């Protein structure tokens, strides 16, 4: 099961200049409300189809609106051999800036 990371930890990593790879699995209409800066929007239903856009050498932080879809996405990505962390509570708990 994917390691959980808090939105505060994610924000701290971004502030510290760490290279964070964030995948937002919300639908495009939801993501239009704002993404974490630098996040890539790949709706959950497209994840397997778009896996070629991802790099197995990188670590990914996965988020959605509330945490349910990101949990499912982490399971899929782990099964495909990707290293993932699940952002607890999703964008509902994100207090940082969005773009």
Protein backbone atom coordinates (compact mmCIF):
# COMPACT_ATOMS: atom_id res chain seq x y z
CA UNK A 1 0.00 0.00 0.00
CA UNK A 2 1.26 3.47 -0.91
CA UNK A 3 2.84 5.65 1.75
CA UNK A 4 0.64 8.58 2.77
CA UNK A 5 2.00 12.09 2.67
CA UNK A 6 0.22 15.13 4.11
CA UNK A 7 -0.56 18.22 2.01
CA UNK A 8 1.68 20.16 4.42
CA UNK A 9 4.62 17.84 3.67
CA UNK A 10 4.03 18.31 -0.06
CA UNK A 11 3.93 22.11 0.33
CA UNK A 12 7.16 21.99 2.38
CA UNK A 13 8.93 19.95 -0.31
CA UNK A 14 7.85 22.48 -2.96
CA UNK A 15 9.01 25.41 -0.79
CA UNK A 16 12.35 23.67 -0.23
CA UNK A 17 12.83 23.45 -3.99
CA UNK A 18 12.65 19.65 -4.11
CA UNK A 19 11.71 18.13 -7.44
CA UNK A 20 8.20 16.86 -6.78
CA UNK A 21 6.21 14.99 -9.41
CA UNK A 22 2.53 15.39 -8.70
CA UNK A 23 -0.19 13.54 -10.58
CA UNK A 24 -3.71 14.92 -10.12
CA UNK A 25 -6.24 12.21 -11.04
CA UNK A 26 -9.34 14.42 -10.93
CA UNK A 27 -11.43 14.91 -14.06
CA UNK A 28 -10.46 17.87 -16.26
CA UNK A 29 -13.51 19.87 -15.14
CA UNK A 30 -12.46 19.47 -11.48
CA UNK A 31 -8.79 20.19 -12.17
CA UNK A 32 -9.83 23.45 -13.87
CA UNK A 33 -10.53 24.77 -10.34
CA UNK A 34 -6.76 24.71 -9.76
CA UNK A 35 -3.78 22.39 -9.70
CA UNK A 36 -0.83 22.30 -7.31
CA UNK A 37 1.91 24.20 -9.23
CA UNK A 38 3.68 21.80 -11.58
CA UNK A 39 1.10 19.03 -11.19
CA UNK A 40 0.14 16.94 -14.19
CA UNK A 41 -3.57 16.22 -14.65
CA UNK A 42 -4.21 12.61 -15.72
CA UNK A 43 -7.82 11.63 -14.90
CA UNK A 44 -8.04 8.26 -13.13
CA UNK A 45 -9.83 6.66 -16.08
CA UNK A 46 -6.94 7.60 -18.41
CA UNK A 47 -4.09 6.53 -16.12
CA UNK A 48 -3.31 3.17 -17.72
CA UNK A 49 -3.68 4.60 -21.25
CA UNK A 50 -1.29 7.47 -20.47
CA UNK A 51 1.31 5.52 -18.44
CA UNK A 52 3.92 6.19 -21.16
CA UNK A 53 3.95 9.81 -19.94
CA UNK A 54 5.36 8.63 -16.61
CA UNK A 55 8.90 7.63 -15.65
CA UNK A 56 9.53 4.59 -13.42
CA UNK A 57 12.72 6.25 -12.14
CA UNK A 58 10.74 9.08 -10.52
CA UNK A 59 8.68 9.19 -7.36
CA UNK A 60 5.13 10.46 -7.77
CA UNK A 61 2.73 12.09 -5.35
CA UNK A 62 -0.86 11.34 -6.34
CA UNK A 63 -3.81 13.57 -5.43
CA UNK A 64 -7.51 13.86 -6.22
CA UNK A 65 -10.36 15.82 -4.59
CA UNK A 66 -10.81 13.91 -1.32
CA UNK A 67 -8.37 11.00 -1.31
CA UNK A 68 -10.46 8.09 -2.66
CA UNK A 69 -9.42 8.19 -6.30
CA UNK A 70 -5.77 8.87 -5.44
CA UNK A 71 -5.78 5.71 -3.32
CA UNK A 72 -7.10 3.73 -6.32
CA UNK A 73 -4.59 5.44 -8.64
CA UNK A 74 -1.71 4.55 -6.29
CA UNK A 75 -2.77 0.90 -6.39
CA UNK A 76 -2.81 0.94 -10.21
CA UNK A 77 0.53 2.76 -10.46
CA UNK A 78 2.22 0.45 -7.93
CA UNK A 79 0.97 -2.57 -9.88
CA UNK A 80 2.55 -1.05 -12.99
CA UNK A 81 5.88 -0.62 -11.17
CA UNK A 82 5.81 3.10 -10.27
CA UNK A 83 6.92 4.58 -6.94
CA UNK A 84 4.04 6.55 -5.44
CA UNK A 85 2.87 8.42 -2.36
CA UNK A 86 -0.79 9.23 -1.71
CA UNK A 87 -1.58 12.81 -0.64
CA UNK A 88 -3.95 12.36 2.31
CA UNK A 89 -7.30 14.13 1.98
CA UNK A 90 -6.62 15.33 -1.55
CA UNK A 91 -7.21 18.88 -2.72
CA UNK A 92 -9.87 19.36 -0.02
CA UNK A 93 -6.94 19.57 2.45
CA UNK A 94 -4.58 21.58 0.22
CA UNK A 95 -4.00 25.08 1.59
CA UNK A 96 -1.15 26.04 -0.73
CA UNK A 97 -1.31 27.99 -3.95
CA UNK A 98 -2.86 26.55 -7.10
CA UNK A 99 -2.43 27.39 -10.75
